[in-house]
Every structure is written in structure tokens, then in C-alpha cells.
Amino acid sequence: MPEPTSSTAAAVATLTAAGISIPMITLFGVPLGLRVDLMIAGFCGSLVAIILLNSVPGDADTWPKLLRTTLRRMSVAFASSITAGYLTPLALLIANLPDALLLSAAFAVGGGAQRVLIGAIARLSGGPSAPSSQGGA
């Protein structure tokens, strides 16, 4: 019978450490530096902004306009989760906040990403600031 190369305790320690580590997203084998937990928190924040704050208002009740609104809301939720994944660690570092607030900050970044990015792009491009869209007329 061959000798085992590692003990059971070492194998358990390795599996426990691997289970605790935070998964990162890779694309074609290249790590993107995005943490899944931050993206989920940012996605939930964007859903709250879309549903409760009506950040992406609907147009009318025709099928093409409903489809266009749905695709727009899906793209806003995707972009907000990506933004939360990349900008939350930087925001915590700049604000000098503890790591315990990481997921809360990702939720807030995901919820406010659309408005903040529109203002930043307008300021950097020198164009007029984006009008604030308010539900109803």
C-alpha cells in the first residue's frame, strides 16, 4: 500500500481555506478582478434604484416600447453591478471606511451608479449636464 502524500488534517485545512476564499470572475482564463459578492450587492442596489426610485422610467404600453424599456433596465442593472464591482474597493479606500462596510457600500454604489456616471461623463466631456428624469409629467 503506498504512503499518502498528505495527512487528512492537511487536506481538510486546504479545502476549508479554498471554501473561504472569495471567488473572482475570469473571462477566457484572464482574471478580471471582480468579486462576485460585490457584484451581487451592486446588482441588488441597482434593482432598488430601478424599482423604487424609478431611475429607468417606462414609456408606454406598446410591445416595442416595453421591450426597449426592459432591455434598458437590464443593461443598467448589468452596468451598475460591474461599476460596483470595480469602484467599491476604491470608494472604501478613499473614504477610509472599515472593510465591514464593503457590501453596504457596494449596494450604495450599485444604486447610485447610473446618476453618478451620467454626471461624471457630462462633466468630463464638457457637454450639458443630463436632465434629471422624474417619473410622470
Protein backbone atom coordinates (compact mmCIF):
# COMPACT_ATOMS: atom_id res chain seq x y z
CA MET A 1 0.00 0.00 0.00
CA PRO A 2 1.52 3.36 -1.00
CA GLU A 3 2.15 6.07 1.57
CA PRO A 4 -0.26 9.01 1.43
CA THR A 5 1.42 12.24 0.39
CA SER A 6 -0.56 14.39 2.82
CA SER A 7 -2.41 13.84 6.03
CA THR A 8 -6.16 14.12 6.40
CA ALA A 9 -5.80 17.25 8.54
CA ALA A 10 -3.78 18.99 5.83
CA ALA A 11 -6.37 18.08 3.20
CA VAL A 12 -9.20 19.39 5.37
CA ALA A 13 -7.28 22.64 6.01
CA THR A 14 -6.71 23.11 2.29
CA LEU A 15 -10.36 22.51 1.42
CA THR A 16 -11.51 24.84 4.19
CA ALA A 17 -9.21 27.62 3.01
CA ALA A 18 -10.39 27.16 -0.57
CA GLY A 19 -14.03 27.37 0.53
CA ILE A 20 -13.45 30.59 2.44
CA SER A 21 -11.69 32.39 -0.40
CA ILE A 22 -13.82 34.80 -2.40
CA PRO A 23 -14.35 33.73 -6.00
CA MET A 24 -13.16 36.06 -8.73
CA ILE A 25 -14.63 36.27 -12.21
CA THR A 26 -12.46 35.21 -15.12
CA LEU A 27 -13.06 35.66 -18.84
CA PHE A 28 -11.22 33.27 -21.18
CA GLY A 29 -8.86 32.41 -18.34
CA VAL A 30 -8.00 36.06 -17.58
CA PRO A 31 -8.96 37.22 -14.08
CA LEU A 32 -10.98 40.43 -14.28
CA GLY A 33 -10.50 41.46 -10.65
CA LEU A 34 -14.25 41.43 -10.00
CA ARG A 35 -15.54 39.91 -6.79
CA VAL A 36 -18.84 38.11 -7.09
CA ASP A 37 -20.17 39.28 -3.71
CA LEU A 38 -19.65 42.96 -4.65
CA MET A 39 -21.36 42.48 -7.99
CA ILE A 40 -24.38 40.82 -6.38
CA ALA A 41 -24.68 43.65 -3.84
CA GLY A 42 -24.36 46.23 -6.65
CA PHE A 43 -26.98 44.38 -8.69
CA CYS A 44 -29.40 44.45 -5.75
CA GLY A 45 -28.74 48.17 -5.29
CA SER A 46 -29.48 48.81 -8.95
CA LEU A 47 -32.72 46.84 -8.69
CA VAL A 48 -33.78 49.00 -5.76
CA ALA A 49 -32.97 52.14 -7.76
CA ILE A 50 -34.87 50.87 -10.80
CA ILE A 51 -37.92 49.64 -8.90
CA LEU A 52 -38.34 52.05 -6.01
CA LEU A 53 -36.66 55.19 -7.32
CA ASN A 54 -37.84 54.70 -10.93
CA SER A 55 -34.39 55.52 -12.29
CA VAL A 56 -35.30 53.97 -15.66
CA PRO A 57 -38.88 55.10 -16.30
CA GLY A 58 -41.09 53.27 -18.76
CA ASP A 59 -42.52 54.87 -21.89
CA ALA A 60 -45.85 53.38 -22.90
CA ASP A 61 -47.73 50.11 -23.08
CA THR A 62 -46.87 49.02 -26.60
CA TRP A 63 -44.80 45.87 -27.07
CA PRO A 64 -41.79 47.51 -28.75
CA LYS A 65 -41.55 50.21 -26.07
CA LEU A 66 -41.93 47.68 -23.26
CA LEU A 67 -39.19 45.54 -24.82
CA ARG A 68 -36.93 48.59 -25.22
CA THR A 69 -37.54 49.61 -21.59
CA THR A 70 -36.86 46.07 -20.36
CA LEU A 71 -33.58 45.85 -22.30
CA ARG A 72 -32.57 49.28 -21.00
CA ARG A 73 -33.30 48.26 -17.41
CA MET A 74 -31.32 45.04 -17.84
CA SER A 75 -28.34 46.93 -19.24
CA VAL A 76 -28.49 49.48 -16.41
CA ALA A 77 -28.54 46.67 -13.82
CA PHE A 78 -25.58 44.96 -15.54
CA ALA A 79 -23.57 48.19 -15.78
CA SER A 80 -24.34 49.09 -12.16
CA SER A 81 -23.16 45.70 -10.92
CA ILE A 82 -19.91 45.99 -12.93
CA THR A 83 -19.40 49.53 -11.60
CA ALA A 84 -19.98 48.37 -8.02
CA GLY A 85 -17.51 45.52 -8.54
CA TYR A 86 -14.74 47.83 -9.68
CA LEU A 87 -15.38 51.07 -7.76
CA THR A 88 -16.45 49.91 -4.29
CA PRO A 89 -12.95 48.94 -3.07
CA LEU A 90 -11.65 52.30 -4.34
CA ALA A 91 -14.51 54.19 -2.68
CA LEU A 92 -13.83 52.49 0.66
CA LEU A 93 -10.14 53.28 0.36
CA ILE A 94 -10.80 56.95 -0.42
CA ALA A 95 -13.43 57.34 2.31
CA ASN A 96 -11.23 55.46 4.82
CA LEU A 97 -14.09 53.18 5.89
CA PRO A 98 -13.69 49.77 7.53
CA ASP A 99 -13.93 46.57 5.49
CA ALA A 100 -17.11 45.62 7.35
CA LEU A 101 -18.97 48.18 5.22
CA LEU A 102 -17.82 46.67 1.93
CA LEU A 103 -21.13 45.06 0.92
CA SER A 104 -23.18 48.05 2.10
CA ALA A 105 -21.00 50.35 0.05
CA ALA A 106 -21.36 48.06 -2.98
CA PHE A 107 -25.15 48.24 -2.57
CA ALA A 108 -25.00 52.05 -2.46
CA VAL A 109 -22.62 52.27 -5.42
CA GLY A 110 -24.87 49.97 -7.46
CA GLY A 111 -27.92 52.05 -6.59
CA GLY A 112 -26.35 55.38 -7.43
CA ALA A 113 -24.08 54.33 -10.28
CA GLN A 114 -26.34 55.48 -13.08
CA ARG A 115 -26.78 59.05 -11.81
CA VAL A 116 -23.16 59.46 -10.77
CA LEU A 117 -21.76 58.14 -14.05
CA ILE A 118 -24.06 60.33 -16.15
CA GLY A 119 -22.90 63.41 -14.24
CA ALA A 120 -19.23 62.44 -14.42
CA ILE A 121 -19.37 61.73 -18.16
CA ALA A 122 -21.16 65.02 -18.82
CA ARG A 123 -18.61 66.95 -16.74
CA LEU A 124 -15.60 65.27 -18.39
CA SER A 125 -16.95 65.61 -21.93
CA GLY A 126 -17.81 69.29 -21.48
CA GLY A 127 -21.35 68.69 -22.65
CA PRO A 128 -24.50 69.92 -20.94
CA SER A 129 -25.44 68.13 -17.77
CA ALA A 130 -28.01 65.42 -18.13
CA PRO A 131 -31.57 66.39 -17.28
CA SER A 132 -32.99 64.74 -14.21
CA SER A 133 -35.70 62.34 -15.28
CA GLN A 134 -38.63 62.38 -12.91
CA GLY A 135 -41.37 59.81 -13.15
CA GLY A 136 -44.57 61.20 -14.67
CA ALA A 137 -45.10 64.55 -16.32
